[in-house]
Protein backbone atom coordinates (compact mmCIF):
# COMPACT_ATOMS: atom_id res chain seq x y z
CA MET A 1 -20.19 -44.36 44.37
CA LYS A 2 -20.99 -40.76 43.56
CA THR A 3 -23.59 -41.02 40.55
CA LYS A 4 -21.64 -38.54 37.76
CA LEU A 5 -24.48 -36.26 36.61
CA HIS A 6 -23.89 -34.44 33.64
CA LEU A 7 -26.55 -31.26 33.56
CA LEU A 8 -27.00 -30.33 29.86
CA TYR A 9 -29.46 -26.69 29.47
CA GLY A 10 -29.26 -23.40 27.37
CA GLY A 11 -30.16 -24.58 24.19
CA LYS A 12 -31.58 -22.71 20.39
CA SER A 13 -34.64 -22.62 21.78
CA ALA A 14 -36.97 -19.28 22.51
CA GLU A 15 -37.48 -21.04 26.27
CA HIS A 16 -33.39 -20.43 26.69
CA GLN A 17 -33.07 -18.31 29.27
CA VAL A 18 -36.19 -19.91 31.60
CA SER A 19 -33.30 -23.64 31.23
CA LEU A 20 -30.66 -21.84 32.40
CA GLN A 21 -33.31 -21.00 35.34
CA THR A 22 -33.61 -23.99 35.91
CA ALA A 23 -30.11 -25.45 35.45
CA LEU A 24 -29.69 -23.06 37.98
CA ALA A 25 -32.02 -24.42 40.38
CA VAL A 26 -30.94 -28.04 40.37
CA SER A 27 -27.39 -26.98 40.99
CA ASN A 28 -28.29 -25.51 43.87
CA ALA A 29 -30.07 -28.49 45.33
CA LEU A 30 -27.88 -31.88 44.56
CA ASP A 31 -26.36 -33.38 46.93
CA MET A 32 -22.79 -32.88 46.41
CA GLY A 33 -22.25 -35.67 48.24
CA LYS A 34 -24.01 -38.05 45.92
CA PHE A 35 -23.25 -36.67 42.68
CA ASP A 36 -20.29 -35.54 40.90
CA VAL A 37 -21.80 -32.70 38.69
CA TYR A 38 -20.43 -31.82 35.20
CA PRO A 39 -22.24 -28.66 33.17
CA ILE A 40 -22.99 -28.71 29.27
CA TYR A 41 -24.12 -25.43 27.92
CA ILE A 42 -25.83 -24.94 25.03
CA THR A 43 -25.65 -21.26 23.61
CA GLU A 44 -28.75 -19.78 22.36
CA GLU A 45 -26.54 -20.37 18.62
CA GLY A 46 -26.63 -24.09 19.09
CA ALA A 47 -22.71 -23.98 20.49
CA TRP A 48 -21.65 -26.47 22.40
CA ARG A 49 -19.70 -25.96 25.80
CA SER A 50 -18.78 -28.12 28.83
CA GLY A 51 -17.05 -27.30 32.04
CA THR A 52 -15.33 -29.00 35.13
CA MET A 53 -16.85 -30.19 37.89
CA LEU A 54 -18.69 -28.51 40.09
CA GLU A 55 -17.18 -27.52 43.20
CA GLY A 56 -20.41 -26.58 45.22
CA PRO A 57 -22.89 -25.05 43.83
CA ALA A 58 -23.26 -22.24 41.02
CA GLU A 59 -23.84 -18.96 42.17
CA ASN A 60 -25.03 -17.15 38.76
CA VAL A 61 -26.88 -18.13 35.23
CA GLN A 62 -23.76 -16.17 34.50
CA GLN A 63 -21.82 -18.82 35.82
CA LEU A 64 -23.42 -21.46 34.27
CA LYS A 65 -22.91 -20.17 30.85
CA LEU A 66 -19.38 -21.18 31.13
CA GLU A 67 -17.73 -17.81 29.64
CA ASP A 68 -14.64 -18.29 31.74
CA GLY A 69 -13.63 -21.43 31.80
CA GLY A 70 -15.98 -23.65 29.83
CA THR A 71 -14.35 -25.44 26.48
CA THR A 72 -15.89 -24.98 23.19
CA THR A 73 -16.88 -28.28 21.76
CA ALA A 74 -19.33 -30.42 20.11
CA PRO A 75 -22.07 -32.68 21.82
CA PHE A 76 -20.29 -35.83 21.81
CA ALA A 77 -18.64 -34.25 25.13
CA LEU A 78 -21.20 -35.84 26.55
CA PRO A 79 -19.80 -39.01 28.01
CA SER A 80 -18.95 -42.15 25.44
CA VAL A 81 -20.35 -45.73 26.93
CA GLU A 82 -16.59 -46.42 27.73
CA ASP A 83 -16.57 -43.56 29.88
CA ALA A 84 -19.76 -44.14 31.34
CA GLY A 85 -18.68 -47.47 32.80
CA GLN A 86 -15.99 -46.25 35.09
CA GLN A 87 -19.01 -44.63 37.73
CA GLU A 88 -22.56 -44.70 37.22
CA THR A 89 -23.29 -41.88 34.71
CA VAL A 90 -26.39 -39.99 34.42
CA VAL A 91 -27.42 -36.96 32.06
CA PHE A 92 -29.95 -34.39 32.76
CA PRO A 93 -31.90 -32.84 30.28
CA LEU A 94 -33.16 -29.45 31.51
CA LEU A 95 -33.74 -28.16 27.91
CA HIS A 96 -36.81 -26.50 26.99
CA GLY A 97 -38.69 -26.45 23.60
CA PRO A 98 -37.40 -27.33 20.75
CA ASN A 99 -34.06 -28.81 20.15
CA GLY A 100 -33.89 -29.65 23.35
CA GLU A 101 -37.21 -31.21 24.84
CA ASP A 102 -38.68 -32.53 21.19
CA GLY A 103 -37.36 -35.42 21.31
CA THR A 104 -33.87 -34.43 19.33
CA VAL A 105 -31.83 -34.83 22.32
CA GLN A 106 -33.40 -38.16 23.54
CA GLY A 107 -32.75 -39.78 20.22
CA MET A 108 -28.77 -38.32 20.57
CA LEU A 109 -28.52 -39.86 24.42
CA GLU A 110 -30.15 -43.28 23.02
CA LEU A 111 -27.49 -43.31 20.17
CA LEU A 112 -24.74 -42.84 23.08
CA ASN A 113 -26.44 -45.79 24.85
CA LEU A 114 -26.69 -43.33 28.35
CA PRO A 115 -29.06 -43.22 30.85
CA TYR A 116 -31.09 -39.70 30.60
CA VAL A 117 -33.79 -38.07 33.20
CA GLY A 118 -37.26 -37.88 31.82
CA ASN A 119 -39.03 -39.06 28.59
CA GLY A 120 -37.56 -40.85 25.47
CA VAL A 121 -37.93 -39.97 22.16
CA LEU A 122 -41.60 -40.35 21.10
CA ALA A 123 -42.94 -39.11 24.63
CA SER A 124 -41.03 -35.99 24.32
CA SER A 125 -41.75 -35.70 20.19
CA ALA A 126 -45.54 -36.31 20.90
CA GLY A 127 -45.63 -34.15 23.63
CA MET A 128 -43.84 -30.90 22.12
CA ASP A 129 -46.39 -31.10 19.46
CA LYS A 130 -49.52 -29.96 20.40
CA VAL A 131 -51.60 -31.05 17.39
CA ILE A 132 -50.29 -35.00 17.90
CA MET A 133 -50.15 -35.12 21.37
CA LYS A 134 -54.13 -34.34 21.11
CA ASN A 135 -54.51 -36.66 18.36
CA LEU A 136 -53.09 -39.49 20.44
CA PHE A 137 -55.30 -38.06 23.48
CA ALA A 138 -58.45 -38.18 21.05
CA GLN A 139 -57.56 -41.96 20.26
CA ALA A 140 -56.77 -42.62 24.48
CA GLY A 141 -60.90 -41.67 25.07
CA LEU A 142 -59.46 -38.64 27.02
CA PRO A 143 -62.07 -35.57 26.46
CA GLN A 144 -60.75 -32.33 24.64
CA VAL A 145 -62.08 -28.93 23.71
CA GLY A 146 -62.53 -28.39 19.85
CA TYR A 147 -59.61 -27.49 17.89
CA VAL A 148 -58.42 -26.53 14.17
CA HIS A 149 -54.62 -26.06 13.35
CA PHE A 150 -52.77 -24.51 10.59
CA LEU A 151 -48.91 -24.53 8.22
CA ARG A 152 -48.07 -20.94 7.94
CA SER A 153 -48.33 -22.22 3.93
CA GLU A 154 -52.00 -23.23 4.06
CA TRP A 155 -52.79 -19.77 6.17
CA GLU A 156 -50.52 -17.37 3.62
CA LYS A 157 -52.35 -19.48 0.56
CA SER A 158 -55.94 -18.96 2.11
CA THR A 159 -55.57 -16.59 4.76
CA GLU A 160 -60.04 -15.59 4.95
CA ALA A 161 -60.86 -19.48 4.82
CA ALA A 162 -58.55 -19.99 7.56
CA TYR A 163 -60.00 -17.67 9.96
CA ASP A 164 -63.90 -18.88 8.45
CA LYS A 165 -62.47 -22.35 9.61
CA VAL A 166 -62.08 -21.20 13.20
CA GLU A 167 -65.46 -18.73 13.52
CA THR A 168 -67.82 -21.65 12.15
CA GLU A 169 -65.62 -24.65 13.98
CA LEU A 170 -64.80 -22.94 17.29
CA GLY A 171 -66.03 -19.78 17.65
CA PHE A 172 -65.12 -17.13 19.78
CA PRO A 173 -63.23 -16.43 22.66
CA CYS A 174 -60.52 -19.21 20.99
CA PHE A 175 -56.71 -19.28 21.97
CA VAL A 176 -54.21 -19.49 18.96
CA LYS A 177 -50.60 -21.40 19.88
CA PRO A 178 -47.85 -22.36 18.36
CA ALA A 179 -47.71 -26.27 18.20
CA ASN A 180 -44.54 -26.72 19.14
CA LEU A 181 -43.31 -24.25 22.29
CA GLY A 182 -44.14 -23.99 25.54
CA SER A 183 -43.97 -21.98 28.74
CA SER A 184 -46.76 -19.89 27.20
CA VAL A 185 -44.55 -18.37 24.35
CA GLY A 186 -46.34 -16.77 21.43
CA ILE A 187 -49.86 -18.04 22.65
CA SER A 188 -52.98 -15.36 22.23
CA LYS A 189 -56.24 -15.04 23.30
CA ALA A 190 -58.91 -14.07 20.35
CA LYS A 191 -62.13 -12.69 20.75
CA ASN A 192 -62.86 -11.26 17.81
CA ARG A 193 -61.31 -12.05 13.60
CA GLU A 194 -59.38 -8.65 14.07
CA GLU A 195 -57.23 -9.85 17.33
CA LEU A 196 -57.33 -13.65 15.80
CA GLY A 197 -55.39 -12.26 12.42
CA ASN A 198 -53.26 -11.15 15.18
CA ALA A 199 -52.86 -14.32 17.25
CA PHE A 200 -52.19 -15.79 14.04
CA ARG A 201 -49.32 -13.86 13.04
CA GLU A 202 -47.74 -13.71 16.46
CA ALA A 203 -47.90 -17.47 16.70
CA PHE A 204 -46.14 -18.22 12.97
CA GLU A 205 -43.57 -15.95 14.05
CA PHE A 206 -42.42 -19.68 16.61
CA ASP A 207 -43.68 -22.43 14.87
CA ARG A 208 -44.69 -22.86 10.84
CA LYS A 209 -47.68 -25.01 12.49
CA ILE A 210 -50.30 -23.89 14.87
CA ILE A 211 -53.12 -24.89 16.47
CA VAL A 212 -56.53 -23.20 17.91
CA GLU A 213 -58.32 -24.33 20.73
CA GLN A 214 -61.90 -23.64 21.66
CA GLY A 215 -61.96 -20.81 25.27
CA LEU A 216 -63.87 -21.93 28.07
CA GLU A 217 -65.38 -19.18 29.70
CA GLY A 218 -64.88 -19.32 34.04
CA ALA A 219 -63.32 -22.28 33.55
CA ARG A 220 -60.99 -23.62 36.02
CA GLU A 221 -57.08 -24.34 35.74
CA ILE A 222 -56.31 -27.79 37.15
CA GLU A 223 -52.95 -28.98 36.82
CA VAL A 224 -51.04 -32.49 38.60
CA GLY A 225 -47.60 -33.97 38.46
CA VAL A 226 -47.04 -37.57 37.26
CA LEU A 227 -43.61 -38.91 38.34
CA GLY A 228 -42.70 -42.52 37.05
CA ASN A 229 -42.08 -44.99 34.54
CA ASP A 230 -44.32 -48.43 34.36
CA HIS A 231 -46.11 -47.28 37.60
CA PRO A 232 -46.39 -43.84 37.76
CA GLU A 233 -47.97 -42.23 40.32
CA CYS A 234 -49.90 -38.51 40.93
CA SER A 235 -49.11 -35.95 42.82
CA VAL A 236 -51.87 -33.56 44.68
CA LEU A 237 -53.88 -31.18 42.17
CA GLY A 238 -53.07 -27.78 42.18
CA GLU A 239 -55.09 -24.79 40.66
CA ILE A 240 -53.49 -21.87 38.33
CA ALA A 241 -55.75 -18.67 38.95
CA PRO A 242 -53.78 -15.88 36.46
CA LYS A 243 -55.10 -12.22 37.56
CA LYS A 244 -54.97 -11.66 34.05
CA GLU A 245 -57.21 -13.16 30.71
CA PHE A 246 -54.75 -16.52 30.90
CA TYR A 247 -51.46 -17.58 32.18
CA ASP A 248 -49.50 -15.95 29.62
CA TYR A 249 -45.22 -15.85 29.79
CA LYS A 250 -45.18 -12.82 31.57
CA ALA A 251 -47.43 -13.97 34.57
CA LYS A 252 -45.48 -17.31 34.48
CA TYR A 253 -41.87 -16.30 34.57
CA GLU A 254 -41.95 -12.34 35.28
CA ASP A 255 -44.02 -10.43 36.84
CA GLY A 256 -45.75 -13.61 39.11
CA ASP A 257 -48.57 -12.22 38.15
CA THR A 258 -50.64 -15.39 39.07
CA ALA A 259 -51.76 -17.38 42.47
CA MET A 260 -50.57 -21.38 42.28
CA MET A 261 -53.40 -22.77 45.19
CA ILE A 262 -51.96 -26.65 46.33
CA PRO A 263 -53.63 -28.37 46.72
CA ALA A 264 -56.53 -27.37 44.78
CA GLU A 265 -59.95 -27.26 46.51
CA ILE A 266 -61.69 -29.95 44.20
CA GLU A 267 -64.41 -32.33 45.20
CA ALA A 268 -62.97 -36.17 45.98
CA ASN A 269 -64.66 -37.33 42.90
CA ILE A 270 -63.02 -34.97 40.67
CA ASP A 271 -59.90 -35.11 42.23
CA GLU A 272 -59.71 -38.98 41.51
CA GLN A 273 -61.43 -38.50 37.70
CA VAL A 274 -58.08 -35.78 37.10
CA LYS A 275 -55.78 -38.10 38.22
CA GLU A 276 -56.76 -41.42 36.49
CA MET A 277 -57.02 -38.92 32.84
CA ALA A 278 -53.62 -38.06 33.64
CA ILE A 279 -52.19 -41.38 33.80
CA THR A 280 -53.84 -42.50 31.12
CA ALA A 281 -52.14 -39.29 29.46
CA PHE A 282 -49.13 -40.45 30.42
CA LYS A 283 -49.67 -43.97 29.13
CA ALA A 284 -51.02 -42.46 25.57
CA ILE A 285 -47.90 -40.92 24.75
CA ASP A 286 -45.56 -43.30 26.20
CA SER A 287 -44.23 -41.34 29.19
CA SER A 288 -41.30 -42.11 31.94
CA GLY A 289 -39.99 -40.34 34.14
CA LEU A 290 -41.97 -37.19 34.44
CA VAL A 291 -45.12 -35.07 33.21
CA ARG A 292 -47.32 -32.04 34.46
CA ALA A 293 -51.08 -32.81 33.32
CA ASP A 294 -52.99 -29.50 32.28
CA PHE A 295 -57.07 -29.79 32.54
CA PHE A 296 -59.67 -27.38 32.14
CA LEU A 297 -62.76 -27.69 35.25
CA THR A 298 -65.87 -25.96 34.23
CA LYS A 299 -68.71 -24.56 36.76
CA GLU A 300 -71.02 -27.98 35.58
CA GLY A 301 -68.03 -30.41 36.40
CA LYS A 302 -66.70 -31.55 33.04
CA ILE A 303 -63.24 -32.26 32.61
CA TYR A 304 -61.57 -31.43 29.52
CA ILE A 305 -57.72 -31.99 29.03
CA ASN A 306 -55.64 -29.81 27.85
CA GLU A 307 -52.23 -31.41 27.56
CA VAL A 308 -49.00 -32.54 29.04
CA ASN A 309 -45.60 -30.95 29.43
CA THR A 310 -42.97 -33.76 29.43
CA MET A 311 -40.47 -31.00 30.45
CA PRO A 312 -42.22 -28.94 32.78
CA GLY A 313 -40.90 -25.61 34.95
CA PHE A 314 -38.55 -27.26 37.63
CA THR A 315 -37.48 -24.46 39.33
CA PRO A 316 -38.20 -24.64 42.91
CA TYR A 317 -40.75 -22.73 42.54
CA SER A 318 -42.57 -24.19 39.80
CA MET A 319 -45.52 -25.52 39.55
CA PHE A 320 -44.40 -29.40 39.26
CA PRO A 321 -41.99 -29.16 42.16
CA LEU A 322 -44.74 -27.54 44.19
CA LEU A 323 -47.26 -30.09 43.76
CA TRP A 324 -44.65 -32.53 44.95
CA LYS A 325 -43.54 -30.88 47.16
CA HIS A 326 -46.88 -30.49 49.13
CA THR A 327 -47.47 -34.54 48.12
CA GLY A 328 -44.10 -35.01 50.79
CA VAL A 329 -41.93 -35.10 48.27
CA SER A 330 -39.02 -32.01 48.49
CA TYR A 331 -36.82 -30.83 45.63
CA PRO A 332 -33.67 -32.66 46.08
CA GLU A 333 -35.74 -35.69 46.86
CA LEU A 334 -37.57 -34.67 43.48
CA ILE A 335 -34.64 -34.56 41.55
CA GLU A 336 -33.01 -38.16 43.01
CA LYS A 337 -36.18 -39.68 42.48
CA LEU A 338 -35.91 -38.91 38.59
CA VAL A 339 -32.47 -39.97 38.08
CA GLN A 340 -33.27 -43.42 40.09
CA TYR A 341 -35.90 -43.48 37.67
CA ALA A 342 -33.26 -43.11 34.17
CA LYS A 343 -31.29 -45.37 35.97
CA GLU A 344 -34.32 -47.70 35.67
CA ARG A 345 -35.35 -47.30 32.44
CA HIS A 346 -31.95 -47.46 31.03
CA THR A 347 -30.79 -50.98 32.21
CA ASP A 348 -34.53 -51.87 31.42
CA LYS A 349 -33.56 -51.08 27.92
CA GLN A 350 -30.51 -53.44 28.09
CA LYS A 351 -32.42 -56.19 28.30
CA ILE A 352 -33.89 -55.77 25.09
CA LYS A 353 -32.17 -58.46 22.70
CA HIS A 354 -30.53 -56.24 19.29
CA THR A 355 -29.02 -59.71 17.47
CA PHE A 356 -31.41 -62.10 15.51
């Protein structure tokens, strides 16, 4: 019997367009002989639109907006437990950023008792908040660069004191980031106090909390894909070599102004350490399904974990799928594996006793 797969995409996030591109890529890669695919689109205003079963791959992003034939509905357009019982059903959240990748949608799916692809509530929320994530990594003993964080209210009350703290504890260069956003949105590199002020203002446009991280001059950016549930596995390693000063949103999604080297040219002992650290990070936030773990490698051979992304870029040309392609797992196979992991995790959760 085919699996009924609900693609959930769009969302109220600065990464709305990224989500649409991801949904288009996934719909084109699915084997319609194995899946009955139903689109559910969340507009930028937060309205939900459900569509009829796709007869074939979506032709373009506009089609996925369901403006012709889509039904405006509530989140409960998602299948009920009773509906899911008639046909093996899985929800595939292809949402990036807040209100989708941060545990909110995952919590709703848990309440509906539906199998879904990717990380659960805890891992999603911890992985979205860079401050909480780094605190958990520190608890797990993973080496990281120095960092400080601020709330908008703290910054507005003591602006110069915030800049003083960054200069004293981290120095320049440093990176200023919204705490709860991905795809390099709102990130700036600051090399002096004036740039630091501009970076703070930009980051606070996207979040009420920001994080400032110490810059590592000349460090290589290494990434690895992690796949699985209780027994995760790592892909080959890749390296990001941006032609600009850092790998920002435009370099990722607009001008392609970067190079991805897969596999990365790394010594065997470094390769092994990175993979061990990636598994530790995966388990530290209680991940399931997938993460992409990002690291810095200094000229001296020191490895620092930067972050994990619980819903990494997922088009066929994004780093995570490319890492697995070079490991021997094609894009369609990767999607099928993730659906299978979703089913396994859901089955495992049904074993939990809910009454005394």
